[in-house]
Amino acid sequence: MHIAILTFEGFNELDSLIALGILNRVKKPGWRVSIASNAARIRSMNGVVLEAQASLADAAAADAVIVGSGMRTREVVADAALMAQLQFDSSRQLLGAQCSGTLILAKLGMLDGVPACTDLTTKPWVEEAGIAVLNQPFVARGNVATAGGCLASQYLAIWLIARLVGVDEARSAMHYVAPVGEKDDYVDRAMRNVTPFMQAPLAMA
């Protein structure tokens, strides 16, 4: 089971790395979470440099994809050659987008007729793409989910875990990362945001 987190130059560390950390709380045979990019090394909006673990082709073949956010997302969607490599299919993949990553899914036609969540900066660009933006942190319809606000990346992560492994695993992953003394509150809040959009777990590959 491969989950790819698309991460481009100028990425937001919180969006990509919170999801990476929570998703890696799952310890199942074959479970793999990768930072995927079009470059071997990518620099964040604050100067943190990461080495990509997977390519865009790997992401296209992954079981699930999170499209991360960053300060150069509008450059990404304006790059036709780059966008052509993002060959995703919601009939066989779980797809999530974080903040400005929602704009990428919108431009790929993955959100047609579906309301979405995004951050306040990206909201007008997503609306210009013809997508209604909700005033909430998380929404999912079928196999496609979007989240708005850096810390909403936790909801994308536990939605993926719940769909791919199960709700108990999702609650356990959230409990592990939540602050001491507030764990039950964090888990309950996270599940309140995600549970209305749940479906039966998918079979592990």
C-alpha atoms as a PDB file:
ATOM      1  CA  MET A   1       0.000   0.000   0.000  1.00  0.00           C
ATOM      2  CA  HIS A   2       1.737   3.137  -1.225  1.00  0.00           C
ATOM      3  CA  ILE A   3       0.686   6.655  -0.252  1.00  0.00           C
ATOM      4  CA  ALA A   4       2.421   9.459  -2.133  1.00  0.00           C
ATOM      5  CA  ILE A   5       2.517  13.029  -0.827  1.00  0.00           C
ATOM      6  CA  LEU A   6       3.052  15.359  -3.777  1.00  0.00           C
ATOM      7  CA  THR A   7       5.530  18.020  -2.719  1.00  0.00           C
ATOM      8  CA  PHE A   8       6.747  20.757  -5.032  1.00  0.00           C
ATOM      9  CA  GLU A   9       9.332  23.535  -4.792  1.00  0.00           C
ATOM     10  CA  GLY A  10       8.195  26.136  -2.254  1.00  0.00           C
ATOM     11  CA  PHE A  11       6.178  23.567  -0.318  1.00  0.00           C
ATOM     12  CA  ASN A  12       4.598  24.206   3.063  1.00  0.00           C
ATOM     13  CA  GLU A  13       6.356  21.984   5.619  1.00  0.00           C
ATOM     14  CA  LEU A  14       3.288  21.599   7.833  1.00  0.00           C
ATOM     15  CA  ASP A  15       1.104  20.398   4.989  1.00  0.00           C
ATOM     16  CA  SER A  16       3.433  17.665   3.768  1.00  0.00           C
ATOM     17  CA  LEU A  17       5.237  16.612   6.931  1.00  0.00           C
ATOM     18  CA  ILE A  18       2.348  16.455   9.417  1.00  0.00           C
ATOM     19  CA  ALA A  19       0.594  14.053   7.069  1.00  0.00           C
ATOM     20  CA  LEU A  20       3.824  12.110   6.556  1.00  0.00           C
ATOM     21  CA  GLY A  21       4.337  11.718  10.306  1.00  0.00           C
ATOM     22  CA  ILE A  22       0.784  10.638  11.084  1.00  0.00           C
ATOM     23  CA  LEU A  23       0.534   8.244   8.153  1.00  0.00           C
ATOM     24  CA  ASN A  24       3.762   6.552   9.216  1.00  0.00           C
ATOM     25  CA  ARG A  25       2.197   5.647  12.561  1.00  0.00           C
ATOM     26  CA  VAL A  26       0.642   2.716  10.681  1.00  0.00           C
ATOM     27  CA  LYS A  27       2.902  -0.299  11.009  1.00  0.00           C
ATOM     28  CA  LYS A  28       1.488  -2.778   8.508  1.00  0.00           C
ATOM     29  CA  PRO A  29       3.408  -5.007   6.084  1.00  0.00           C
ATOM     30  CA  GLY A  30       3.721  -3.247   2.741  1.00  0.00           C
ATOM     31  CA  TRP A  31       2.589   0.132   4.084  1.00  0.00           C
ATOM     32  CA  ARG A  32       4.749   2.869   2.519  1.00  0.00           C
ATOM     33  CA  VAL A  33       4.469   6.656   2.622  1.00  0.00           C
ATOM     34  CA  SER A  34       6.620   8.736   0.261  1.00  0.00           C
ATOM     35  CA  ILE A  35       7.373  12.344  -0.517  1.00  0.00           C
ATOM     36  CA  ALA A  36       6.868  12.443  -4.297  1.00  0.00           C
ATOM     37  CA  SER A  37       8.079  15.242  -6.527  1.00  0.00           C
ATOM     38  CA  ASN A  38       9.140  16.232 -10.021  1.00  0.00           C
ATOM     39  CA  ALA A  39      12.635  17.002  -8.691  1.00  0.00           C
ATOM     40  CA  ALA A  40      15.191  15.004  -6.732  1.00  0.00           C
ATOM     41  CA  ARG A  41      15.456  17.743  -4.090  1.00  0.00           C
ATOM     42  CA  ILE A  42      12.845  20.345  -3.161  1.00  0.00           C
ATOM     43  CA  ARG A  43      13.137  23.419  -0.982  1.00  0.00           C
ATOM     44  CA  SER A  44      10.304  24.540   1.277  1.00  0.00           C
ATOM     45  CA  MET A  45       8.894  28.034   1.609  1.00  0.00           C
ATOM     46  CA  ASN A  46      11.106  28.408   4.697  1.00  0.00           C
ATOM     47  CA  GLY A  47      14.275  26.951   3.208  1.00  0.00           C
ATOM     48  CA  VAL A  48      14.055  23.324   4.382  1.00  0.00           C
ATOM     49  CA  VAL A  49      15.426  20.959   1.731  1.00  0.00           C
ATOM     50  CA  LEU A  50      14.007  17.459   1.275  1.00  0.00           C
ATOM     51  CA  GLU A  51      15.068  14.609  -0.949  1.00  0.00           C
ATOM     52  CA  ALA A  52      12.156  13.121  -2.865  1.00  0.00           C
ATOM     53  CA  GLN A  53      11.469   9.461  -2.220  1.00  0.00           C
ATOM     54  CA  ALA A  54       9.240   8.892  -5.242  1.00  0.00           C
ATOM     55  CA  SER A  55       8.602  10.307  -8.702  1.00  0.00           C
ATOM     56  CA  LEU A  56       5.416  11.680 -10.240  1.00  0.00           C
ATOM     57  CA  ALA A  57       5.071   8.375 -12.118  1.00  0.00           C
ATOM     58  CA  ASP A  58       5.240   6.553  -8.775  1.00  0.00           C
ATOM     59  CA  ALA A  59       2.492   8.844  -7.467  1.00  0.00           C
ATOM     60  CA  ALA A  60       0.309   8.089 -10.478  1.00  0.00           C
ATOM     61  CA  ALA A  61       0.592   4.390  -9.640  1.00  0.00           C
ATOM     62  CA  ALA A  62       0.107   4.832  -5.872  1.00  0.00           C
ATOM     63  CA  ASP A  63      -2.916   3.593  -3.954  1.00  0.00           C
ATOM     64  CA  ALA A  64      -3.460   7.037  -2.459  1.00  0.00           C
ATOM     65  CA  VAL A  65      -2.142  10.538  -3.130  1.00  0.00           C
ATOM     66  CA  ILE A  66      -2.092  13.722  -1.073  1.00  0.00           C
ATOM     67  CA  VAL A  67      -1.468  16.831  -3.152  1.00  0.00           C
ATOM     68  CA  GLY A  68       0.484  19.131  -0.894  1.00  0.00           C
ATOM     69  CA  SER A  69       0.444  22.903  -0.732  1.00  0.00           C
ATOM     70  CA  GLY A  70       3.022  25.588  -1.297  1.00  0.00           C
ATOM     71  CA  MET A  71       3.781  29.125  -2.332  1.00  0.00           C
ATOM     72  CA  ARG A  72       4.361  28.200  -6.002  1.00  0.00           C
ATOM     73  CA  THR A  73       1.205  26.215  -6.714  1.00  0.00           C
ATOM     74  CA  ARG A  74      -0.013  28.659  -9.345  1.00  0.00           C
ATOM     75  CA  GLU A  75       3.262  28.073 -11.193  1.00  0.00           C
ATOM     76  CA  VAL A  76       2.584  24.334 -11.029  1.00  0.00           C
ATOM     77  CA  VAL A  77      -0.899  24.617 -12.540  1.00  0.00           C
ATOM     78  CA  ALA A  78       0.435  26.935 -15.256  1.00  0.00           C
ATOM     79  CA  ASP A  79       3.011  24.323 -16.308  1.00  0.00           C
ATOM     80  CA  ALA A  80       1.185  22.180 -18.863  1.00  0.00           C
ATOM     81  CA  ALA A  81       3.982  19.632 -19.143  1.00  0.00           C
ATOM     82  CA  LEU A  82       4.076  19.155 -15.393  1.00  0.00           C
ATOM     83  CA  MET A  83       0.297  18.921 -15.039  1.00  0.00           C
ATOM     84  CA  ALA A  84       0.209  16.318 -17.820  1.00  0.00           C
ATOM     85  CA  GLN A  85       2.290  14.033 -15.605  1.00  0.00           C
ATOM     86  CA  LEU A  86      -0.310  14.079 -12.835  1.00  0.00           C
ATOM     87  CA  GLN A  87      -2.300  11.129 -14.090  1.00  0.00           C
ATOM     88  CA  PHE A  88      -4.623  10.350 -11.200  1.00  0.00           C
ATOM     89  CA  ASP A  89      -7.767   8.235 -11.171  1.00  0.00           C
ATOM     90  CA  SER A  90     -10.272   8.515  -8.321  1.00  0.00           C
ATOM     91  CA  SER A  91     -11.888   5.228  -9.331  1.00  0.00           C
ATOM     92  CA  ARG A  92      -8.770   3.343  -8.198  1.00  0.00           C
ATOM     93  CA  GLN A  93      -6.996   5.843  -5.923  1.00  0.00           C
ATOM     94  CA  LEU A  94      -7.845   7.806  -2.817  1.00  0.00           C
ATOM     95  CA  LEU A  95      -7.037  11.437  -3.582  1.00  0.00           C
ATOM     96  CA  GLY A  96      -6.587  14.203  -1.045  1.00  0.00           C
ATOM     97  CA  ALA A  97      -5.537  17.823  -1.421  1.00  0.00           C
ATOM     98  CA  GLN A  98      -4.214  20.192   1.200  1.00  0.00           C
ATOM     99  CA  CYS A  99      -4.760  23.981   0.954  1.00  0.00           C
ATOM    100  CA  SER A 100      -3.440  25.155  -2.435  1.00  0.00           C
ATOM    101  CA  GLY A 101      -3.199  21.515  -3.502  1.00  0.00           C
ATOM    102  CA  THR A 102      -6.963  21.835  -3.952  1.00  0.00           C
ATOM    103  CA  LEU A 103      -6.267  24.161  -6.881  1.00  0.00           C
ATOM    104  CA  ILE A 104      -4.244  21.408  -8.544  1.00  0.00           C
ATOM    105  CA  LEU A 105      -7.072  18.880  -8.191  1.00  0.00           C
ATOM    106  CA  ALA A 106      -9.509  21.505  -9.494  1.00  0.00           C
ATOM    107  CA  LYS A 107      -7.379  22.163 -12.569  1.00  0.00           C
ATOM    108  CA  LEU A 108      -7.085  18.411 -13.164  1.00  0.00           C
ATOM    109  CA  GLY A 109     -10.884  18.153 -13.252  1.00  0.00           C
ATOM    110  CA  MET A 110     -11.038  16.009 -10.126  1.00  0.00           C
ATOM    111  CA  LEU A 111     -13.430  18.349  -8.312  1.00  0.00           C
ATOM    112  CA  ASP A 112     -16.014  19.040 -11.011  1.00  0.00           C
ATOM    113  CA  GLY A 113     -19.367  19.549  -9.311  1.00  0.00           C
ATOM    114  CA  VAL A 114     -17.891  18.839  -5.879  1.00  0.00           C
ATOM    115  CA  PRO A 115     -17.466  21.512  -3.170  1.00  0.00           C
ATOM    116  CA  ALA A 116     -14.011  21.693  -1.625  1.00  0.00           C
ATOM    117  CA  CYS A 117     -11.949  23.023   1.261  1.00  0.00           C
ATOM    118  CA  THR A 118      -8.825  25.131   0.933  1.00  0.00           C
ATOM    119  CA  ASP A 119      -6.938  27.877   2.734  1.00  0.00           C
ATOM    120  CA  LEU A 120      -8.126  31.487   2.672  1.00  0.00           C
ATOM    121  CA  THR A 121      -5.358  32.643   0.320  1.00  0.00           C
ATOM    122  CA  THR A 122      -6.166  29.988  -2.273  1.00  0.00           C
ATOM    123  CA  LYS A 123      -9.941  30.307  -1.955  1.00  0.00           C
ATOM    124  CA  PRO A 124     -10.446  32.916  -4.719  1.00  0.00           C
ATOM    125  CA  TRP A 125      -8.281  30.944  -7.161  1.00  0.00           C
ATOM    126  CA  VAL A 126     -10.267  27.752  -6.505  1.00  0.00           C
ATOM    127  CA  GLU A 127     -13.517  29.662  -6.923  1.00  0.00           C
ATOM    128  CA  GLU A 128     -12.221  31.100 -10.221  1.00  0.00           C
ATOM    129  CA  ALA A 129     -11.740  27.478 -11.304  1.00  0.00           C
ATOM    130  CA  GLY A 130     -15.468  26.963 -10.770  1.00  0.00           C
ATOM    131  CA  ILE A 131     -15.345  25.128  -7.456  1.00  0.00           C
ATOM    132  CA  ALA A 132     -17.508  26.100  -4.473  1.00  0.00           C
ATOM    133  CA  VAL A 133     -15.352  26.505  -1.364  1.00  0.00           C
ATOM    134  CA  LEU A 134     -16.735  25.473   2.029  1.00  0.00           C
ATOM    135  CA  ASN A 135     -16.040  27.261   5.309  1.00  0.00           C
ATOM    136  CA  GLN A 136     -14.833  24.129   7.087  1.00  0.00           C
ATOM    137  CA  PRO A 137     -11.555  22.234   7.498  1.00  0.00           C
ATOM    138  CA  PHE A 138     -12.324  18.983   5.696  1.00  0.00           C
ATOM    139  CA  VAL A 139     -14.724  17.463   3.196  1.00  0.00           C
ATOM    140  CA  ALA A 140     -14.746  14.252   1.183  1.00  0.00           C
ATOM    141  CA  ARG A 141     -16.982  12.806  -1.464  1.00  0.00           C
ATOM    142  CA  GLY A 142     -16.305   9.268  -2.574  1.00  0.00           C
ATOM    143  CA  ASN A 143     -12.565   8.814  -2.994  1.00  0.00           C
ATOM    144  CA  VAL A 144     -11.676  12.522  -3.121  1.00  0.00           C
ATOM    145  CA  ALA A 145     -11.023  14.701  -0.057  1.00  0.00           C
ATOM    146  CA  THR A 146      -9.818  18.262   0.478  1.00  0.00           C
ATOM    147  CA  ALA A 147      -8.646  20.125   3.566  1.00  0.00           C
ATOM    148  CA  GLY A 148      -8.150  23.793   4.374  1.00  0.00           C
ATOM    149  CA  GLY A 149      -5.623  25.228   6.824  1.00  0.00           C
ATOM    150  CA  CYS A 150      -2.180  23.794   7.548  1.00  0.00           C
ATOM    151  CA  LEU A 151      -3.223  21.862  10.657  1.00  0.00           C
ATOM    152  CA  ALA A 152      -6.153  20.316   8.784  1.00  0.00           C
ATOM    153  CA  SER A 153      -3.560  17.996   7.228  1.00  0.00           C
ATOM    154  CA  GLN A 154      -4.205  15.727  10.216  1.00  0.00           C
ATOM    155  CA  TYR A 155      -7.736  15.153   8.922  1.00  0.00           C
ATOM    156  CA  LEU A 156      -6.508  14.084   5.495  1.00  0.00           C
ATOM    157  CA  ALA A 157      -4.090  11.663   7.127  1.00  0.00           C
ATOM    158  CA  ILE A 158      -6.617   9.995   9.398  1.00  0.00           C
ATOM    159  CA  TRP A 159      -9.217   9.872   6.612  1.00  0.00           C
ATOM    160  CA  LEU A 160      -6.724   7.933   4.511  1.00  0.00           C
ATOM    161  CA  ILE A 161      -5.848   5.619   7.398  1.00  0.00           C
ATOM    162  CA  ALA A 162      -9.512   5.003   8.191  1.00  0.00           C
ATOM    163  CA  ARG A 163     -10.308   4.252   4.547  1.00  0.00           C
ATOM    164  CA  LEU A 164      -7.261   2.058   3.933  1.00  0.00           C
ATOM    165  CA  VAL A 165      -6.923   0.255   7.259  1.00  0.00           C
ATOM    166  CA  GLY A 166      -9.809   1.130   9.550  1.00  0.00           C
ATOM    167  CA  VAL A 167     -11.175   3.602  12.067  1.00  0.00           C
ATOM    168  CA  ASP A 168      -9.380   2.014  15.023  1.00  0.00           C
ATOM    169  CA  GLU A 169      -6.011   2.529  13.319  1.00  0.00           C
ATOM    170  CA  ALA A 170      -6.947   6.131  12.533  1.00  0.00           C
ATOM    171  CA  ARG A 171      -7.867   6.835  16.143  1.00  0.00           C
ATOM    172  CA  SER A 172      -4.653   5.191  17.350  1.00  0.00           C
ATOM    173  CA  ALA A 173      -2.482   7.268  14.992  1.00  0.00           C
ATOM    174  CA  MET A 174      -4.161  10.484  16.091  1.00  0.00           C
ATOM    175  CA  HIS A 175      -3.906   9.537  19.754  1.00  0.00           C
ATOM    176  CA  TYR A 176      -0.159   9.004  19.407  1.00  0.00           C
ATOM    177  CA  VAL A 177       0.577  12.474  18.003  1.00  0.00           C
ATOM    178  CA  ALA A 178      -1.929  14.443  20.103  1.00  0.00           C
ATOM    179  CA  PRO A 179      -0.662  16.530  23.058  1.00  0.00           C
ATOM    180  CA  VAL A 180      -0.469  14.828  26.431  1.00  0.00           C
ATOM    181  CA  GLY A 181      -3.461  15.725  28.563  1.00  0.00           C
ATOM    182  CA  GLU A 182      -5.527  16.538  25.468  1.00  0.00           C
ATOM    183  CA  LYS A 183      -5.405  13.254  23.590  1.00  0.00           C
ATOM    184  CA  ASP A 184      -9.070  12.300  23.923  1.00  0.00           C
ATOM    185  CA  ASP A 185     -10.156  15.804  22.909  1.00  0.00           C
ATOM    186  CA  TYR A 186      -7.918  15.763  19.830  1.00  0.00           C
ATOM    187  CA  VAL A 187      -9.040  12.303  18.756  1.00  0.00           C
ATOM    188  CA  ASP A 188     -12.712  13.128  19.237  1.00  0.00           C
ATOM    189  CA  ARG A 189     -12.424  16.406  17.299  1.00  0.00           C
ATOM    190  CA  ALA A 190     -10.567  14.734  14.457  1.00  0.00           C
ATOM    191  CA  MET A 191     -13.081  11.931  14.174  1.00  0.00           C
ATOM    192  CA  ARG A 192     -16.001  14.395  14.253  1.00  0.00           C
ATOM    193  CA  ASN A 193     -14.522  16.085  11.202  1.00  0.00           C
ATOM    194  CA  VAL A 194     -13.803  12.885   9.301  1.00  0.00           C
ATOM    195  CA  THR A 195     -16.515  10.385  10.293  1.00  0.00           C
ATOM    196  CA  PRO A 196     -19.370  12.045   8.320  1.00  0.00           C
ATOM    197  CA  PHE A 197     -17.371  11.430   5.151  1.00  0.00           C
ATOM    198  CA  MET A 198     -16.342   7.849   5.826  1.00  0.00           C
ATOM    199  CA  GLN A 199     -17.016   4.778   3.757  1.00  0.00           C
ATOM    200  CA  ALA A 200     -16.085   1.155   4.293  1.00  0.00           C
ATOM    201  CA  PRO A 201     -12.321   0.582   4.500  1.00  0.00           C
ATOM    202  CA  LEU A 202     -10.605  -0.460   1.291  1.00  0.00           C
ATOM    203  CA  ALA A 203      -8.822  -3.788   1.169  1.00  0.00           C
ATOM    204  CA  MET A 204      -5.090  -3.624   1.820  1.00  0.00           C
ATOM    205  CA  ALA A 205      -3.018  -4.446  -1.246  1.00  0.00           C
END
